[in-house]
N, C-alpha and C. Protein backbone atom coordinates (compact mmCIF):
# COMPACT_ATOMS: atom_id res chain seq x y z
N MET A 1 7.11 -13.11 12.47
CA MET A 1 6.74 -12.26 12.07
C MET A 1 8.52 -11.40 10.77
N GLN A 2 8.97 -11.58 9.85
CA GLN A 2 9.79 -10.65 9.38
C GLN A 2 10.09 -10.02 8.68
N ILE A 3 10.17 -8.89 8.54
CA ILE A 3 10.21 -7.61 7.27
C ILE A 3 11.57 -7.62 6.61
N PHE A 4 11.16 -7.75 4.74
CA PHE A 4 12.38 -7.83 4.14
C PHE A 4 11.93 -7.11 3.28
N ARG A 5 13.04 -6.44 2.75
CA ARG A 5 13.60 -5.54 1.76
C ARG A 5 12.91 -6.83 0.20
N ILE A 6 12.05 -6.30 -1.02
CA ILE A 6 11.41 -6.67 -2.51
C ILE A 6 12.45 -6.08 -3.05
N ASP A 7 12.98 -6.76 -3.73
CA ASP A 7 14.42 -5.98 -4.47
C ASP A 7 14.63 -7.14 -5.42
N ALA A 8 15.43 -6.72 -6.11
CA ALA A 8 15.96 -7.46 -7.88
C ALA A 8 16.11 -8.68 -8.06
N THR A 9 16.65 -9.07 -6.07
CA THR A 9 16.56 -10.58 -5.81
C THR A 9 15.36 -11.61 -5.03
N PHE A 10 14.34 -10.23 -5.33
CA PHE A 10 12.76 -11.04 -5.00
C PHE A 10 13.17 -12.49 -5.99
N GLU A 11 12.01 -13.73 -5.87
CA GLU A 11 11.31 -14.30 -6.67
C GLU A 11 10.70 -14.76 -6.67
N ARG A 12 9.31 -14.91 -5.80
CA ARG A 12 8.29 -15.10 -5.14
C ARG A 12 7.26 -14.09 -6.15
N HIS A 13 6.84 -13.59 -7.28
CA HIS A 13 6.57 -13.11 -7.57
C HIS A 13 4.90 -13.60 -8.39
N GLU A 14 4.59 -14.78 -8.09
CA GLU A 14 3.57 -14.86 -8.55
C GLU A 14 3.09 -14.93 -6.74
N GLU A 15 3.54 -15.41 -5.93
CA GLU A 15 2.50 -15.86 -4.54
C GLU A 15 2.51 -13.73 -4.20
N LEU A 16 3.37 -12.95 -4.28
CA LEU A 16 3.38 -11.41 -3.62
C LEU A 16 1.91 -11.14 -4.49
N LEU A 17 1.85 -11.61 -6.46
CA LEU A 17 0.71 -10.92 -6.92
C LEU A 17 -0.44 -11.42 -6.38
N ALA A 18 -0.70 -12.94 -6.04
CA ALA A 18 -1.76 -13.20 -4.99
C ALA A 18 -2.66 -12.72 -3.82
N LEU A 19 -0.94 -12.58 -3.42
CA LEU A 19 -1.24 -11.89 -2.29
C LEU A 19 -1.60 -10.27 -2.25
N ILE A 20 -1.52 -9.85 -3.35
CA ILE A 20 -2.07 -8.27 -3.73
C ILE A 20 -3.77 -8.40 -4.09
N LEU A 21 -3.90 -9.33 -4.94
CA LEU A 21 -5.06 -9.43 -5.52
C LEU A 21 -6.17 -10.20 -4.58
N TYR A 22 -5.75 -11.26 -3.36
CA TYR A 22 -6.72 -11.37 -2.47
C TYR A 22 -6.98 -10.43 -1.72
N ALA A 23 -6.09 -9.77 -0.83
CA ALA A 23 -5.54 -8.51 0.39
C ALA A 23 -6.47 -7.07 -0.33
N PHE A 24 -6.69 -7.34 -1.95
CA PHE A 24 -7.52 -6.12 -1.98
C PHE A 24 -8.92 -6.66 -2.92
N SER A 25 -9.42 -7.91 -3.15
CA SER A 25 -10.25 -8.40 -3.90
C SER A 25 -11.88 -7.82 -2.90
N TYR A 26 -11.98 -8.05 -1.45
CA TYR A 26 -13.13 -7.11 -0.56
C TYR A 26 -13.65 -6.42 -1.29
N MET A 27 -12.99 -5.12 -1.79
CA MET A 27 -13.19 -4.44 -2.64
C MET A 27 -14.14 -4.20 -4.01
N ASP A 28 -14.19 -5.77 -4.12
CA ASP A 28 -14.46 -5.60 -6.40
C ASP A 28 -16.26 -5.38 -5.19
N GLY A 29 -17.05 -4.59 -6.43
CA GLY A 29 -18.10 -4.59 -5.98
C GLY A 29 -18.64 -3.53 -5.07
N LEU A 30 -17.54 -3.08 -4.38
CA LEU A 30 -17.45 -2.08 -3.07
C LEU A 30 -17.40 0.05 -3.73
N ILE A 31 -16.46 -0.73 -4.52
CA ILE A 31 -15.68 0.97 -5.25
C ILE A 31 -15.79 1.12 -6.32
N ASP A 32 -15.62 2.13 -7.10
CA ASP A 32 -15.77 2.17 -8.81
C ASP A 32 -14.55 3.78 -8.74
N PRO A 33 -13.98 3.77 -9.48
CA PRO A 33 -13.66 2.53 -10.89
C PRO A 33 -13.36 1.49 -9.58
N PRO A 34 -13.25 0.19 -10.52
CA PRO A 34 -12.27 -0.90 -9.78
C PRO A 34 -10.71 -0.49 -9.20
N SER A 35 -10.78 -1.67 -8.48
CA SER A 35 -8.77 -1.53 -7.67
C SER A 35 -7.76 -1.65 -8.62
N SER A 36 -7.03 -0.57 -8.83
CA SER A 36 -5.44 -0.21 -9.91
C SER A 36 -5.29 -1.94 -9.48
N ALA A 37 -5.28 -2.93 -9.08
CA ALA A 37 -4.91 -4.17 -8.58
C ALA A 37 -4.95 -4.87 -9.63
N HIS A 38 -6.06 -4.64 -10.27
CA HIS A 38 -6.67 -5.92 -10.86
C HIS A 38 -5.75 -5.70 -12.31
N ALA A 39 -4.98 -4.38 -12.69
CA ALA A 39 -4.24 -3.95 -14.07
C ALA A 39 -2.92 -5.02 -13.37
N LEU A 40 -2.67 -5.34 -12.68
CA LEU A 40 -1.12 -5.91 -12.26
C LEU A 40 -1.22 -7.59 -12.80
N ASN A 41 -0.05 -7.52 -13.42
CA ASN A 41 0.27 -8.82 -13.96
C ASN A 41 1.84 -9.09 -13.47
N LEU A 42 2.57 -10.55 -13.51
CA LEU A 42 3.73 -10.35 -13.13
C LEU A 42 4.90 -9.26 -13.95
N GLU A 43 4.21 -9.13 -15.14
CA GLU A 43 5.69 -8.37 -15.93
C GLU A 43 5.26 -6.71 -14.87
N SER A 44 3.89 -5.90 -15.13
CA SER A 44 4.17 -5.06 -14.31
C SER A 44 4.53 -4.77 -12.94
N LEU A 45 4.30 -6.19 -12.03
CA LEU A 45 4.28 -6.20 -10.61
C LEU A 45 5.99 -6.38 -10.80
N ARG A 46 6.92 -6.88 -11.61
CA ARG A 46 7.90 -6.81 -11.69
C ARG A 46 8.82 -5.76 -12.08
N GLN A 47 7.76 -4.24 -12.62
CA GLN A 47 8.88 -3.01 -13.22
C GLN A 47 8.19 -2.20 -12.05
N LYS A 48 6.59 -2.61 -10.96
CA LYS A 48 6.47 -1.84 -10.01
C LYS A 48 7.59 -2.17 -9.03
N ILE A 49 8.50 -3.46 -8.39
CA ILE A 49 9.15 -3.78 -7.86
C ILE A 49 10.88 -2.87 -8.02
N ASP A 50 11.14 -2.50 -9.61
CA ASP A 50 11.85 -2.26 -10.25
C ASP A 50 12.10 -0.65 -9.75
N ASP A 51 10.88 -0.17 -9.82
CA ASP A 51 10.32 1.23 -10.28
C ASP A 51 10.83 2.12 -8.88
N GLU A 52 10.22 0.98 -7.42
CA GLU A 52 9.85 1.94 -6.06
C GLU A 52 10.29 0.69 -4.81
N ILE A 53 10.34 1.53 -4.11
CA ILE A 53 11.03 0.37 -3.02
C ILE A 53 9.24 0.07 -2.06
N ALA A 54 10.12 -1.15 -2.22
CA ALA A 54 9.01 -2.49 -2.10
C ALA A 54 9.67 -3.56 -0.48
N PHE A 55 8.58 -3.90 0.58
CA PHE A 55 8.88 -4.75 1.67
C PHE A 55 8.01 -5.54 1.53
N GLY A 56 8.28 -6.88 2.22
CA GLY A 56 7.34 -7.74 2.40
C GLY A 56 7.27 -7.91 4.43
N VAL A 57 6.39 -9.29 4.41
CA VAL A 57 6.82 -9.67 5.40
C VAL A 57 5.98 -10.61 5.42
N SER A 58 6.53 -12.00 5.97
CA SER A 58 6.84 -13.11 6.12
C SER A 58 6.48 -13.78 7.61
N ASP A 59 5.79 -14.86 7.64
CA ASP A 59 5.36 -15.55 9.19
C ASP A 59 5.74 -16.55 8.65
N GLY A 60 6.98 -17.12 9.27
CA GLY A 60 7.17 -18.23 8.40
C GLY A 60 7.67 -18.43 6.63
N GLU A 61 7.50 -19.33 5.95
CA GLU A 61 7.31 -19.35 5.04
C GLU A 61 6.51 -18.77 3.91
N ARG A 62 4.90 -18.21 4.77
CA ARG A 62 3.90 -17.59 4.20
C ARG A 62 4.36 -15.82 3.71
N LEU A 63 3.84 -15.74 2.93
CA LEU A 63 3.93 -14.12 2.06
C LEU A 63 2.65 -13.31 2.91
N VAL A 64 2.66 -12.83 3.99
CA VAL A 64 1.40 -12.05 5.08
C VAL A 64 1.13 -10.73 4.26
N GLY A 65 1.76 -10.08 3.95
CA GLY A 65 1.83 -8.42 4.11
C GLY A 65 3.24 -7.49 2.60
N CYS A 66 2.63 -6.75 1.84
CA CYS A 66 3.44 -5.90 1.30
C CYS A 66 3.34 -4.31 1.30
N ILE A 67 4.45 -3.68 0.69
CA ILE A 67 3.74 -2.43 0.61
C ILE A 67 4.84 -1.85 -0.26
N PHE A 68 4.62 -1.21 -1.08
CA PHE A 68 5.36 -0.44 -1.90
C PHE A 68 5.25 1.13 -1.88
N CYS A 69 6.35 1.91 -2.11
CA CYS A 69 6.87 3.14 -1.49
C CYS A 69 8.09 4.00 -2.82
N LYS A 70 6.96 5.17 -2.84
CA LYS A 70 7.60 5.80 -4.32
C LYS A 70 7.97 6.92 -3.88
N PRO A 71 9.46 7.56 -3.49
CA PRO A 71 9.66 9.04 -3.15
C PRO A 71 9.01 9.94 -4.45
N GLU A 72 8.59 11.34 -3.89
CA GLU A 72 8.19 12.12 -4.81
C GLU A 72 8.54 13.53 -3.53
N ALA A 73 8.37 14.57 -4.25
CA ALA A 73 9.51 15.49 -3.77
C ALA A 73 9.20 16.13 -2.60
N ASP A 74 7.80 16.31 -1.85
CA ASP A 74 8.43 16.39 -0.67
C ASP A 74 7.62 14.68 0.38
N CYS A 75 7.21 13.86 0.31
CA CYS A 75 6.76 13.06 0.91
C CYS A 75 7.40 11.45 0.17
N LEU A 76 7.00 10.40 1.13
CA LEU A 76 6.81 9.04 0.49
C LEU A 76 5.68 8.57 0.04
N TYR A 77 5.22 8.23 -0.76
CA TYR A 77 3.81 7.67 -1.71
C TYR A 77 3.55 6.12 -1.22
N ILE A 78 2.71 6.11 -0.06
CA ILE A 78 2.03 4.78 0.03
C ILE A 78 1.17 4.53 -1.16
N GLY A 79 1.73 2.73 -1.62
CA GLY A 79 0.34 2.20 -2.50
C GLY A 79 0.94 0.86 -2.07
N LYS A 80 -0.08 -0.09 -2.77
CA LYS A 80 -0.42 -1.27 -2.85
C LYS A 80 -0.10 -1.81 -1.15
N LEU A 81 -0.29 -1.46 0.13
CA LEU A 81 -0.12 -1.99 1.42
C LEU A 81 -1.35 -2.92 1.52
N ALA A 82 -1.08 -4.25 1.31
CA ALA A 82 -1.89 -5.47 1.34
C ALA A 82 -1.34 -6.43 2.43
N VAL A 83 -2.13 -6.84 3.14
CA VAL A 83 -2.02 -7.70 4.53
C VAL A 83 -3.45 -8.92 4.03
N SER A 84 -2.22 -9.92 4.03
CA SER A 84 -3.53 -11.06 4.48
C SER A 84 -4.71 -10.72 5.63
N PRO A 85 -6.10 -10.98 4.17
CA PRO A 85 -6.78 -11.08 5.49
C PRO A 85 -6.91 -11.98 6.32
N GLN A 86 -5.77 -13.13 6.71
CA GLN A 86 -5.97 -14.17 7.95
C GLN A 86 -5.02 -13.75 8.79
N THR A 87 -3.82 -12.45 8.32
CA THR A 87 -3.19 -12.30 9.66
C THR A 87 -3.82 -10.74 9.91
N GLN A 88 -4.71 -9.90 9.56
CA GLN A 88 -5.21 -8.54 9.47
C GLN A 88 -5.35 -8.94 11.29
N GLY A 89 -5.17 -7.72 11.38
CA GLY A 89 -4.76 -6.97 13.52
C GLY A 89 -4.19 -7.58 14.39
N LYS A 90 -2.85 -8.18 13.28
CA LYS A 90 -1.98 -8.57 13.99
C LYS A 90 -0.60 -7.61 13.84
N GLY A 91 -0.67 -6.92 13.45
CA GLY A 91 0.53 -5.51 13.23
C GLY A 91 1.55 -6.06 12.26
N VAL A 92 1.11 -6.62 11.35
CA VAL A 92 1.54 -6.57 10.39
C VAL A 92 1.48 -5.18 9.76
N GLY A 93 0.30 -4.85 9.41
CA GLY A 93 0.23 -3.39 8.49
C GLY A 93 1.06 -2.00 9.28
N ARG A 94 1.20 -2.09 10.46
CA ARG A 94 1.77 -1.19 11.48
C ARG A 94 3.06 -1.39 11.11
N LEU A 95 3.68 -2.70 11.16
CA LEU A 95 5.13 -2.81 10.46
C LEU A 95 5.75 -2.66 9.27
N LEU A 96 4.70 -2.89 8.66
CA LEU A 96 5.02 -2.48 7.13
C LEU A 96 4.17 -0.13 7.09
N LEU A 97 3.81 0.10 7.71
CA LEU A 97 4.24 1.34 7.81
C LEU A 97 5.08 2.04 8.53
N ALA A 98 5.95 1.30 9.58
CA ALA A 98 6.73 1.64 9.84
C ALA A 98 8.31 1.65 9.51
N GLU A 99 8.32 0.23 8.67
CA GLU A 99 9.23 0.57 7.84
C GLU A 99 8.98 1.74 6.48
N ALA A 100 7.88 2.48 6.32
CA ALA A 100 7.82 3.45 5.23
C ALA A 100 8.18 4.86 5.84
N GLU A 101 8.72 5.03 6.95
CA GLU A 101 8.20 5.39 7.91
C GLU A 101 10.34 5.80 8.19
N ALA A 102 10.55 4.60 8.40
CA ALA A 102 11.38 4.80 8.09
C ALA A 102 12.54 5.16 7.32
N THR A 103 12.01 4.76 6.50
CA THR A 103 12.76 4.46 4.86
C THR A 103 12.03 6.30 4.34
N ALA A 104 11.05 6.74 4.83
CA ALA A 104 10.79 8.25 4.93
C ALA A 104 12.17 8.97 5.40
N ARG A 105 12.63 8.73 6.02
CA ARG A 105 13.40 9.37 7.29
C ARG A 105 14.96 9.41 6.60
N VAL A 106 15.05 8.18 6.34
CA VAL A 106 16.58 8.04 5.37
C VAL A 106 16.80 9.13 4.52
N LEU A 107 15.48 9.09 3.83
CA LEU A 107 15.77 9.61 2.21
C LEU A 107 15.22 10.92 2.61
N SER A 108 14.96 11.62 3.88
CA SER A 108 14.67 12.62 4.24
C SER A 108 13.18 13.75 3.97
N LEU A 109 13.04 12.95 3.68
CA LEU A 109 11.05 13.07 2.86
C LEU A 109 10.21 13.60 4.97
N PRO A 110 9.52 14.56 5.05
CA PRO A 110 9.26 15.01 6.00
C PRO A 110 7.48 14.19 6.24
N ALA A 111 7.02 13.26 5.40
CA ALA A 111 5.80 13.02 5.48
C ALA A 111 5.60 11.23 4.90
N LEU A 112 4.85 10.84 4.68
CA LEU A 112 4.24 9.87 4.42
C LEU A 112 2.62 10.46 3.67
N ARG A 113 2.54 9.74 2.44
CA ARG A 113 0.67 10.16 1.88
C ARG A 113 0.15 9.16 1.21
N LEU A 114 -0.73 8.91 0.99
CA LEU A 114 -1.40 7.47 0.41
C LEU A 114 -2.45 8.04 -0.37
N LEU A 115 -3.74 7.06 -0.96
CA LEU A 115 -4.68 7.26 -1.37
C LEU A 115 -5.56 6.72 -0.91
N THR A 116 -6.63 6.79 -0.56
CA THR A 116 -7.92 5.52 0.15
C THR A 116 -9.39 5.97 -0.80
N ARG A 117 -9.80 5.15 -1.03
CA ARG A 117 -11.04 4.55 -2.07
C ARG A 117 -11.89 5.53 -1.17
N ILE A 118 -13.04 6.85 -1.66
CA ILE A 118 -14.22 7.45 -0.93
C ILE A 118 -14.75 6.06 0.17
N GLU A 119 -15.40 5.35 -0.84
CA GLU A 119 -16.21 4.01 0.27
C GLU A 119 -15.92 3.61 1.39
N LEU A 120 -14.28 3.43 1.65
CA LEU A 120 -13.47 2.26 2.04
C LEU A 120 -13.45 3.40 3.53
N THR A 121 -14.85 3.43 4.36
CA THR A 121 -14.40 3.89 5.60
C THR A 121 -13.89 3.18 6.61
N GLY A 122 -13.24 2.32 6.64
CA GLY A 122 -13.07 1.43 7.18
C GLY A 122 -11.94 1.87 7.69
N ASN A 123 -10.81 1.97 6.15
CA ASN A 123 -9.55 2.64 5.99
C ASN A 123 -8.90 3.67 6.44
N HIS A 124 -9.88 4.48 6.58
CA HIS A 124 -9.84 5.82 6.93
C HIS A 124 -9.87 5.58 8.09
N ARG A 125 -10.87 5.38 9.23
CA ARG A 125 -10.14 5.22 10.53
C ARG A 125 -8.94 4.09 10.66
N ALA A 126 -8.42 3.42 10.31
CA ALA A 126 -7.48 2.75 10.72
C ALA A 126 -6.23 3.38 10.77
N PHE A 127 -6.60 4.79 9.21
CA PHE A 127 -5.17 5.58 8.99
C PHE A 127 -5.22 6.41 9.71
N ALA A 128 -5.84 7.13 9.94
CA ALA A 128 -6.66 7.67 11.15
C ALA A 128 -5.55 7.25 12.61
N ALA A 129 -6.00 6.19 12.78
CA ALA A 129 -5.51 5.91 13.84
C ALA A 129 -4.19 5.20 13.88
N TRP A 130 -3.42 5.67 12.83
CA TRP A 130 -2.14 5.33 12.51
C TRP A 130 -1.18 7.10 12.15
N GLY A 131 -2.06 8.06 12.55
CA GLY A 131 -1.92 9.12 12.55
C GLY A 131 -1.76 9.59 11.35
N PHE A 132 -2.61 9.30 10.18
CA PHE A 132 -2.78 10.44 9.17
C PHE A 132 -4.44 11.53 9.28
N ILE A 133 -3.93 12.43 8.47
CA ILE A 133 -4.90 13.22 8.72
C ILE A 133 -5.37 13.25 7.34
N GLN A 134 -6.62 13.19 6.94
CA GLN A 134 -7.24 13.75 5.28
C GLN A 134 -6.61 15.09 5.25
N SER A 135 -5.43 14.97 4.07
CA SER A 135 -5.10 16.06 2.69
C SER A 135 -6.25 16.74 2.10
N GLY A 136 -7.30 16.43 1.45
CA GLY A 136 -7.46 16.57 0.05
C GLY A 136 -8.50 15.08 -0.26
N THR A 137 -9.11 15.27 -1.42
CA THR A 137 -9.91 14.13 -2.23
C THR A 137 -9.07 14.51 -3.97
N MET A 138 -9.52 13.50 -4.99
CA MET A 138 -9.36 13.18 -6.33
C MET A 138 -10.50 12.47 -6.89
N CYS A 139 -10.47 12.79 -8.16
CA CYS A 139 -11.50 12.06 -8.86
C CYS A 139 -10.33 11.50 -10.10
N HIS A 140 -10.68 10.18 -10.02
CA HIS A 140 -9.99 9.07 -11.20
C HIS A 140 -10.70 9.92 -12.46
N PRO A 141 -9.90 9.48 -13.37
CA PRO A 141 -9.83 10.06 -15.34
C PRO A 141 -11.64 9.77 -14.88
N GLY A 142 -12.41 10.23 -15.75
CA GLY A 142 -13.93 10.02 -15.85
C GLY A 142 -14.95 10.17 -15.38
N PHE A 143 -14.84 10.59 -13.89
CA PHE A 143 -15.50 11.16 -12.84
C PHE A 143 -15.42 12.31 -12.68
N THR A 144 -16.55 12.54 -12.09
CA THR A 144 -16.87 14.26 -11.88
C THR A 144 -16.90 14.21 -10.07
N ARG A 145 -17.45 13.09 -9.57
CA ARG A 145 -17.00 13.06 -8.41
C ARG A 145 -15.93 12.82 -7.71
N PRO A 146 -15.41 12.97 -6.38
CA PRO A 146 -14.05 12.31 -5.79
C PRO A 146 -14.06 10.61 -5.63
N THR A 147 -13.37 10.40 -5.70
CA THR A 147 -13.36 8.96 -5.80
C THR A 147 -12.26 8.42 -4.81
N ALA A 148 -11.33 9.05 -4.60
CA ALA A 148 -10.76 8.69 -3.30
C ALA A 148 -10.33 10.02 -2.71
N ILE A 149 -9.67 9.97 -1.17
CA ILE A 149 -8.96 10.64 -0.38
C ILE A 149 -7.79 10.40 0.05
N GLU A 150 -7.09 11.55 0.20
CA GLU A 150 -5.55 11.60 0.10
C GLU A 150 -5.57 11.81 1.64
N MET A 151 -4.35 11.02 2.11
CA MET A 151 -4.33 11.42 3.32
C MET A 151 -2.65 11.08 3.83
N ARG A 152 -2.27 12.24 4.68
CA ARG A 152 -0.64 12.45 5.06
C ARG A 152 -0.49 11.87 6.40
N LYS A 153 0.35 12.13 6.41
CA LYS A 153 1.10 11.62 8.03
C LYS A 153 2.94 12.49 8.10
N THR A 154 2.49 13.50 8.67
CA THR A 154 3.74 14.15 9.38
C THR A 154 4.96 13.23 9.67
N LEU A 155 5.92 13.84 9.70
CA LEU A 155 6.93 12.86 10.49
C LEU A 155 8.04 13.25 11.55
């Protein structure tokens, strides 16, 4: 497994978009509202790469994981952490989160922050095992109930 920076030189946008959509597809019918991954297209993905700090993981020629990081005032926000279902459980997510931690340290940011949907209790457990602690809840626009939990990891 090899980790690399996804930046303006990256040329595998179709493969990256397919990875994100495939990795997030298990959420279809489980979460409400649907994942924002469905709003991604090649143009918006290119913009996301320009606007955020992204990393990918390859296993030989195949792209098997990615993470997008966005600096905020007091933390590094983690978004679109995606791991191919065939390689889940093999350390790809841990490798990507370690790169996010290293990035936060370089940027002198003391924590990582992410959102995970209320319904995805397996994700809550996985992030807790990686040192994240629930720090709040949020409601998506148009909802009166919490739809996601915020989790933070102090570095």
